[in-house]
Amino acid sequence: MDEDSRTRAAVEEHWRASERGDTEAEYAIYATDAILDYPQSGERFRGRAAISAQRGGHPADRHFAVQRITGHANLWVSECLITYDGVPSYTVSIMEFADQHVVHETQYFADPFGVPAWRAALAEPMPGRTLAHSCPTDEH
């Protein structure tokens, strides 16, 4: 198995472990001194133990559904749908690898939004999705 195949398999296992609540397998992907950044809140978590503690302490019922994983060499991106107590959040996880472990991850979170009327005629639904219409003042 080549390096990219091994890394993809590790990322896939990370998300599967996240879904099944297997914390040991979920955090095995991180280097001991890994950094996790949440740009929207400005938070930085330093070290595998801190990353595990902040995620493990999350009070919501969480579920993880991977939409797409792409990457090469030391940079991998996962697009996921994470639900928190049934409320969906679209996420992008950017993982930087060294020595087959994540040394830096940045995660972005986005709430779903409706299709504004001004562009509704131009859009088609993504596979497996339906379009939700929004009010005319939405600016996305």
N, C-alpha and C. Protein backbone atom coordinates (compact mmCIF):
# COMPACT_ATOMS: atom_id res chain seq x y z
N MET A 1 0.85 -1.18 0.00
CA MET A 1 0.00 0.00 0.00
C MET A 1 0.89 1.24 0.00
N ASP A 2 0.63 2.19 -0.91
CA ASP A 2 1.45 3.40 -0.97
C ASP A 2 1.06 4.37 0.15
N GLU A 3 1.85 5.42 0.31
CA GLU A 3 1.66 6.36 1.41
C GLU A 3 0.30 7.05 1.35
N ASP A 4 -0.14 7.49 0.16
CA ASP A 4 -1.44 8.14 0.05
C ASP A 4 -2.57 7.19 0.44
N SER A 5 -2.48 5.94 0.04
CA SER A 5 -3.52 4.97 0.39
C SER A 5 -3.55 4.74 1.90
N ARG A 6 -2.38 4.68 2.54
CA ARG A 6 -2.32 4.52 4.00
C ARG A 6 -2.93 5.72 4.71
N THR A 7 -2.60 6.92 4.21
CA THR A 7 -3.12 8.13 4.85
C THR A 7 -4.63 8.22 4.68
N ARG A 8 -5.14 7.94 3.46
CA ARG A 8 -6.58 7.95 3.24
C ARG A 8 -7.27 6.96 4.18
N ALA A 9 -6.71 5.77 4.31
CA ALA A 9 -7.29 4.75 5.20
C ALA A 9 -7.31 5.26 6.65
N ALA A 10 -6.27 5.95 7.07
CA ALA A 10 -6.22 6.49 8.44
C ALA A 10 -7.28 7.57 8.64
N VAL A 11 -7.48 8.44 7.65
CA VAL A 11 -8.51 9.48 7.75
C VAL A 11 -9.89 8.84 7.78
N GLU A 12 -10.13 7.87 6.92
CA GLU A 12 -11.42 7.17 6.91
C GLU A 12 -11.69 6.50 8.25
N GLU A 13 -10.68 5.84 8.81
CA GLU A 13 -10.84 5.18 10.11
C GLU A 13 -11.10 6.21 11.22
N HIS A 14 -10.46 7.36 11.15
CA HIS A 14 -10.69 8.43 12.13
C HIS A 14 -12.17 8.80 12.17
N TRP A 15 -12.77 9.00 10.98
CA TRP A 15 -14.18 9.40 10.94
C TRP A 15 -15.10 8.24 11.34
N ARG A 16 -14.77 7.02 10.96
CA ARG A 16 -15.58 5.86 11.40
C ARG A 16 -15.53 5.73 12.92
N ALA A 17 -14.34 5.89 13.49
CA ALA A 17 -14.18 5.80 14.94
C ALA A 17 -14.94 6.93 15.63
N SER A 18 -14.94 8.12 15.03
CA SER A 18 -15.70 9.24 15.58
C SER A 18 -17.18 8.89 15.66
N GLU A 19 -17.70 8.29 14.59
CA GLU A 19 -19.12 7.93 14.54
C GLU A 19 -19.47 6.86 15.57
N ARG A 20 -18.60 5.89 15.73
CA ARG A 20 -18.95 4.80 16.66
C ARG A 20 -18.54 5.10 18.11
N GLY A 21 -17.90 6.25 18.36
CA GLY A 21 -17.54 6.64 19.72
C GLY A 21 -16.31 5.92 20.26
N ASP A 22 -15.46 5.42 19.37
CA ASP A 22 -14.23 4.73 19.76
C ASP A 22 -13.11 5.76 19.90
N THR A 23 -13.00 6.33 21.10
CA THR A 23 -12.06 7.44 21.29
C THR A 23 -10.61 7.05 21.07
N GLU A 24 -10.22 5.84 21.46
CA GLU A 24 -8.83 5.42 21.26
C GLU A 24 -8.48 5.42 19.77
N ALA A 25 -9.34 4.85 18.95
CA ALA A 25 -9.08 4.83 17.50
C ALA A 25 -9.23 6.22 16.89
N GLU A 26 -10.18 7.01 17.39
CA GLU A 26 -10.42 8.35 16.85
C GLU A 26 -9.19 9.23 17.00
N TYR A 27 -8.51 9.15 18.12
CA TYR A 27 -7.39 10.05 18.38
C TYR A 27 -6.03 9.47 18.04
N ALA A 28 -5.99 8.22 17.58
CA ALA A 28 -4.72 7.60 17.17
C ALA A 28 -4.09 8.31 15.98
N ILE A 29 -4.89 9.04 15.20
CA ILE A 29 -4.40 9.72 14.01
C ILE A 29 -3.54 10.94 14.36
N TYR A 30 -3.69 11.47 15.58
CA TYR A 30 -3.01 12.71 15.96
C TYR A 30 -1.63 12.46 16.55
N ALA A 31 -0.68 13.31 16.17
CA ALA A 31 0.63 13.31 16.83
C ALA A 31 0.42 13.77 18.28
N THR A 32 1.31 13.37 19.15
CA THR A 32 1.20 13.75 20.56
C THR A 32 1.11 15.26 20.74
N ASP A 33 1.83 16.02 19.92
CA ASP A 33 1.85 17.48 20.04
C ASP A 33 1.02 18.17 18.95
N ALA A 34 0.03 17.48 18.42
CA ALA A 34 -0.82 18.04 17.35
C ALA A 34 -1.52 19.31 17.81
N ILE A 35 -1.89 20.13 16.83
CA ILE A 35 -2.64 21.36 17.07
C ILE A 35 -3.95 21.27 16.31
N LEU A 36 -5.04 21.68 16.97
CA LEU A 36 -6.36 21.77 16.34
C LEU A 36 -6.83 23.21 16.46
N ASP A 37 -7.18 23.83 15.32
CA ASP A 37 -7.67 25.20 15.30
C ASP A 37 -9.13 25.24 14.85
N TYR A 38 -9.91 26.09 15.53
CA TYR A 38 -11.29 26.42 15.14
C TYR A 38 -11.29 27.92 14.81
N PRO A 39 -11.07 28.30 13.55
CA PRO A 39 -10.96 29.72 13.21
C PRO A 39 -12.19 30.55 13.56
N GLN A 40 -13.38 29.96 13.50
CA GLN A 40 -14.59 30.75 13.75
C GLN A 40 -14.69 31.22 15.20
N SER A 41 -14.14 30.45 16.14
CA SER A 41 -14.18 30.86 17.54
C SER A 41 -12.83 31.39 18.02
N GLY A 42 -11.78 31.15 17.23
CA GLY A 42 -10.44 31.58 17.61
C GLY A 42 -9.75 30.63 18.57
N GLU A 43 -10.31 29.45 18.79
CA GLU A 43 -9.73 28.50 19.74
C GLU A 43 -8.61 27.68 19.11
N ARG A 44 -7.59 27.40 19.90
CA ARG A 44 -6.51 26.47 19.53
C ARG A 44 -6.35 25.47 20.67
N PHE A 45 -6.31 24.20 20.29
CA PHE A 45 -6.10 23.12 21.25
C PHE A 45 -4.76 22.49 20.93
N ARG A 46 -3.89 22.44 21.92
CA ARG A 46 -2.53 21.96 21.71
C ARG A 46 -2.35 20.61 22.38
N GLY A 47 -2.03 19.60 21.58
CA GLY A 47 -1.74 18.27 22.10
C GLY A 47 -2.92 17.32 21.96
N ARG A 48 -2.60 16.05 21.68
CA ARG A 48 -3.61 15.01 21.51
C ARG A 48 -4.54 14.95 22.72
N ALA A 49 -3.99 15.07 23.92
CA ALA A 49 -4.80 14.98 25.14
C ALA A 49 -5.83 16.12 25.20
N ALA A 50 -5.44 17.32 24.85
CA ALA A 50 -6.36 18.46 24.87
C ALA A 50 -7.44 18.31 23.79
N ILE A 51 -7.04 17.83 22.62
CA ILE A 51 -8.01 17.60 21.53
C ILE A 51 -9.03 16.56 21.97
N SER A 52 -8.56 15.49 22.54
CA SER A 52 -9.45 14.43 23.00
C SER A 52 -10.38 14.91 24.11
N ALA A 53 -9.84 15.67 25.05
CA ALA A 53 -10.64 16.15 26.19
C ALA A 53 -11.74 17.11 25.73
N GLN A 54 -11.42 18.02 24.82
CA GLN A 54 -12.45 18.98 24.42
C GLN A 54 -13.53 18.32 23.58
N ARG A 55 -13.19 17.37 22.75
CA ARG A 55 -14.21 16.67 21.96
C ARG A 55 -14.97 15.66 22.82
N GLY A 56 -14.25 14.99 23.70
CA GLY A 56 -14.88 13.99 24.56
C GLY A 56 -15.85 14.59 25.56
N GLY A 57 -15.67 15.85 25.87
CA GLY A 57 -16.55 16.51 26.81
C GLY A 57 -17.77 17.15 26.17
N HIS A 58 -17.91 16.98 24.85
CA HIS A 58 -19.03 17.62 24.15
C HIS A 58 -20.35 17.02 24.64
N PRO A 59 -21.29 17.86 25.06
CA PRO A 59 -22.53 17.33 25.64
C PRO A 59 -23.56 16.82 24.63
N ALA A 60 -23.40 17.13 23.35
CA ALA A 60 -24.43 16.76 22.36
C ALA A 60 -24.28 15.31 21.91
N ASP A 61 -25.39 14.76 21.43
CA ASP A 61 -25.37 13.48 20.72
C ASP A 61 -24.88 13.80 19.31
N ARG A 62 -23.69 13.29 18.95
CA ARG A 62 -23.07 13.64 17.68
C ARG A 62 -23.02 12.45 16.74
N HIS A 63 -23.18 12.76 15.45
CA HIS A 63 -23.04 11.76 14.40
C HIS A 63 -22.24 12.36 13.25
N PHE A 64 -21.43 11.52 12.61
CA PHE A 64 -20.51 11.95 11.58
C PHE A 64 -20.80 11.22 10.28
N ALA A 65 -20.99 11.96 9.20
CA ALA A 65 -21.20 11.38 7.88
C ALA A 65 -20.22 12.04 6.91
N VAL A 66 -19.28 11.28 6.42
CA VAL A 66 -18.28 11.81 5.49
C VAL A 66 -18.92 11.98 4.12
N GLN A 67 -18.76 13.16 3.56
CA GLN A 67 -19.24 13.45 2.21
C GLN A 67 -18.15 13.22 1.17
N ARG A 68 -16.92 13.59 1.53
CA ARG A 68 -15.80 13.45 0.58
C ARG A 68 -14.48 13.60 1.33
N ILE A 69 -13.50 12.83 0.90
CA ILE A 69 -12.13 12.95 1.39
C ILE A 69 -11.23 13.08 0.17
N THR A 70 -10.36 14.05 0.19
CA THR A 70 -9.41 14.21 -0.90
C THR A 70 -8.08 14.69 -0.32
N GLY A 71 -7.00 14.32 -0.96
CA GLY A 71 -5.71 14.76 -0.48
C GLY A 71 -4.57 14.07 -1.18
N HIS A 72 -3.39 14.46 -0.80
CA HIS A 72 -2.16 13.89 -1.35
C HIS A 72 -1.02 14.25 -0.40
N ALA A 73 -0.11 13.32 -0.25
CA ALA A 73 1.09 13.54 0.57
C ALA A 73 0.70 13.99 1.98
N ASN A 74 1.07 15.23 2.37
CA ASN A 74 0.87 15.65 3.76
C ASN A 74 -0.36 16.51 3.98
N LEU A 75 -1.22 16.72 2.97
CA LEU A 75 -2.38 17.58 3.13
C LEU A 75 -3.65 16.85 2.69
N TRP A 76 -4.62 16.71 3.61
CA TRP A 76 -5.86 15.98 3.36
C TRP A 76 -7.06 16.80 3.84
N VAL A 77 -8.13 16.77 3.07
CA VAL A 77 -9.33 17.52 3.37
C VAL A 77 -10.52 16.57 3.44
N SER A 78 -11.30 16.70 4.50
CA SER A 78 -12.54 15.93 4.65
C SER A 78 -13.70 16.89 4.70
N GLU A 79 -14.74 16.59 3.91
CA GLU A 79 -16.00 17.31 3.99
C GLU A 79 -16.97 16.37 4.69
N CYS A 80 -17.57 16.86 5.78
CA CYS A 80 -18.44 16.00 6.58
C CYS A 80 -19.72 16.73 6.94
N LEU A 81 -20.73 15.95 7.25
CA LEU A 81 -21.95 16.45 7.85
C LEU A 81 -21.95 15.90 9.28
N ILE A 82 -21.86 16.80 10.24
CA ILE A 82 -21.90 16.40 11.64
C ILE A 82 -23.21 16.91 12.21
N THR A 83 -23.95 16.01 12.86
CA THR A 83 -25.18 16.45 13.51
C THR A 83 -24.94 16.48 15.02
N TYR A 84 -25.42 17.56 15.62
CA TYR A 84 -25.34 17.77 17.06
C TYR A 84 -26.77 17.79 17.58
N ASP A 85 -27.16 16.76 18.33
CA ASP A 85 -28.53 16.62 18.81
C ASP A 85 -29.52 16.77 17.66
N GLY A 86 -29.19 16.18 16.51
CA GLY A 86 -30.05 16.17 15.34
C GLY A 86 -29.96 17.40 14.45
N VAL A 87 -29.18 18.40 14.84
CA VAL A 87 -29.04 19.63 14.06
C VAL A 87 -27.79 19.51 13.19
N PRO A 88 -27.94 19.63 11.85
CA PRO A 88 -26.80 19.43 10.97
C PRO A 88 -25.84 20.62 10.93
N SER A 89 -24.56 20.31 10.79
CA SER A 89 -23.52 21.31 10.58
C SER A 89 -22.57 20.74 9.53
N TYR A 90 -22.38 21.49 8.46
CA TYR A 90 -21.43 21.07 7.43
C TYR A 90 -20.04 21.50 7.87
N THR A 91 -19.09 20.58 7.75
CA THR A 91 -17.74 20.87 8.22
C THR A 91 -16.70 20.55 7.16
N VAL A 92 -15.61 21.28 7.25
CA VAL A 92 -14.43 21.00 6.43
C VAL A 92 -13.28 20.85 7.41
N SER A 93 -12.59 19.74 7.31
CA SER A 93 -11.43 19.45 8.14
C SER A 93 -10.21 19.40 7.24
N ILE A 94 -9.23 20.25 7.54
CA ILE A 94 -7.98 20.27 6.80
C ILE A 94 -6.91 19.70 7.72
N MET A 95 -6.36 18.55 7.33
CA MET A 95 -5.37 17.86 8.15
C MET A 95 -4.00 17.90 7.47
N GLU A 96 -3.01 18.32 8.23
CA GLU A 96 -1.62 18.31 7.77
C GLU A 96 -0.90 17.18 8.49
N PHE A 97 -0.23 16.33 7.73
CA PHE A 97 0.42 15.14 8.25
C PHE A 97 1.94 15.27 8.25
N ALA A 98 2.58 14.62 9.21
CA ALA A 98 4.01 14.39 9.24
C ALA A 98 4.21 13.05 9.93
N ASP A 99 5.04 12.21 9.38
CA ASP A 99 5.29 10.89 9.96
C ASP A 99 4.01 10.12 10.23
N GLN A 100 3.06 10.18 9.30
CA GLN A 100 1.81 9.43 9.32
C GLN A 100 0.87 9.82 10.47
N HIS A 101 1.04 11.02 11.02
CA HIS A 101 0.14 11.52 12.05
C HIS A 101 -0.24 12.96 11.73
N VAL A 102 -1.44 13.35 12.17
CA VAL A 102 -1.87 14.74 12.01
C VAL A 102 -1.08 15.61 12.98
N VAL A 103 -0.44 16.63 12.44
CA VAL A 103 0.30 17.58 13.27
C VAL A 103 -0.46 18.90 13.40
N HIS A 104 -1.35 19.16 12.43
CA HIS A 104 -2.17 20.37 12.49
C HIS A 104 -3.48 20.12 11.76
N GLU A 105 -4.58 20.41 12.43
CA GLU A 105 -5.90 20.32 11.81
C GLU A 105 -6.62 21.64 12.01
N THR A 106 -7.27 22.08 10.96
CA THR A 106 -8.13 23.25 11.03
C THR A 106 -9.52 22.80 10.62
N GLN A 107 -10.52 23.12 11.45
CA GLN A 107 -11.90 22.73 11.15
C GLN A 107 -12.78 23.96 11.04
N TYR A 108 -13.56 23.99 9.96
CA TYR A 108 -14.54 25.05 9.72
C TYR A 108 -15.93 24.44 9.82
N PHE A 109 -16.87 25.17 10.39
CA PHE A 109 -18.25 24.70 10.58
C PHE A 109 -19.19 25.68 9.90
N ALA A 110 -20.23 25.15 9.24
CA ALA A 110 -21.20 26.01 8.57
C ALA A 110 -22.61 25.43 8.74
N ASP A 111 -23.53 26.29 9.10
CA ASP A 111 -24.93 25.88 9.20
C ASP A 111 -25.54 25.86 7.80
N PRO A 112 -26.50 24.97 7.57
CA PRO A 112 -27.18 24.97 6.27
C PRO A 112 -27.98 26.27 6.09
N PHE A 113 -28.19 26.66 4.84
CA PHE A 113 -29.02 27.82 4.54
C PHE A 113 -29.84 27.54 3.29
N GLY A 114 -30.91 28.27 3.14
CA GLY A 114 -31.81 28.08 2.02
C GLY A 114 -31.31 28.77 0.75
N VAL A 115 -31.92 28.38 -0.36
CA VAL A 115 -31.57 28.95 -1.66
C VAL A 115 -32.30 30.28 -1.81
N PRO A 116 -31.58 31.38 -2.02
CA PRO A 116 -32.27 32.66 -2.22
C PRO A 116 -33.00 32.67 -3.57
N ALA A 117 -34.11 33.36 -3.61
CA ALA A 117 -34.95 33.40 -4.81
C ALA A 117 -34.19 33.90 -6.03
N TRP A 118 -33.27 34.82 -5.85
CA TRP A 118 -32.59 35.43 -7.00
C TRP A 118 -31.75 34.44 -7.80
N ARG A 119 -31.38 33.30 -7.20
CA ARG A 119 -30.58 32.34 -7.96
C ARG A 119 -31.21 30.95 -8.03
N ALA A 120 -32.41 30.80 -7.53
CA ALA A 120 -33.06 29.49 -7.46
C ALA A 120 -33.18 28.83 -8.83
N ALA A 121 -33.45 29.59 -9.88
CA ALA A 121 -33.61 29.01 -11.22
C ALA A 121 -32.28 28.51 -11.80
N LEU A 122 -31.17 28.90 -11.22
CA LEU A 122 -29.85 28.51 -11.74
C LEU A 122 -29.33 27.22 -11.10
N ALA A 123 -29.90 26.83 -9.99
CA ALA A 123 -29.36 25.73 -9.19
C ALA A 123 -30.09 24.42 -9.43
N GLU A 124 -29.36 23.34 -9.23
CA GLU A 124 -29.95 22.00 -9.16
C GLU A 124 -29.49 21.38 -7.86
N PRO A 125 -30.23 20.44 -7.32
CA PRO A 125 -29.81 19.83 -6.05
C PRO A 125 -28.55 18.98 -6.21
N MET A 126 -27.72 19.03 -5.20
CA MET A 126 -26.58 18.12 -5.14
C MET A 126 -27.12 16.70 -4.99
N PRO A 127 -26.37 15.69 -5.39
CA PRO A 127 -26.85 14.30 -5.25
C PRO A 127 -27.27 14.00 -3.81
N GLY A 128 -28.45 13.43 -3.67
CA GLY A 128 -28.97 13.06 -2.36
C GLY A 128 -29.54 14.21 -1.55
N ARG A 129 -29.66 15.38 -2.14
CA ARG A 129 -30.14 16.57 -1.41
C ARG A 129 -31.37 17.15 -2.08
N THR A 130 -32.11 17.95 -1.35
CA THR A 130 -33.20 18.73 -1.92
C THR A 130 -32.90 20.19 -1.63
N LEU A 131 -33.40 21.07 -2.45
CA LEU A 131 -33.17 22.50 -2.26
C LEU A 131 -34.21 23.08 -1.32
N ALA A 132 -33.74 23.79 -0.32
CA ALA A 132 -34.64 24.49 0.60
C ALA A 132 -34.61 25.96 0.23
N HIS A 133 -35.77 26.53 0.02
CA HIS A 133 -35.84 27.93 -0.37
C HIS A 133 -35.83 28.82 0.86
N SER A 134 -35.26 29.99 0.71
CA SER A 134 -35.16 30.92 1.82
C SER A 134 -35.91 32.20 1.49
N CYS A 135 -35.88 33.12 2.43
CA CYS A 135 -36.54 34.39 2.19
C CYS A 135 -35.69 35.24 1.24
N PRO A 136 -36.29 36.19 0.54
CA PRO A 136 -35.60 36.97 -0.49
C PRO A 136 -34.43 37.79 0.03
N THR A 137 -34.35 38.04 1.35
CA THR A 137 -33.29 38.89 1.87
C THR A 137 -32.02 38.12 2.21
N ASP A 138 -32.04 36.79 2.16
CA ASP A 138 -30.83 36.01 2.45
C ASP A 138 -29.75 36.36 1.44
N GLU A 139 -28.52 36.49 1.92
CA GLU A 139 -27.46 36.97 1.06
C GLU A 139 -26.39 35.96 0.71
N HIS A 140 -26.57 34.70 1.01
CA HIS A 140 -25.53 33.69 0.72
C HIS A 140 -25.32 33.51 -0.75
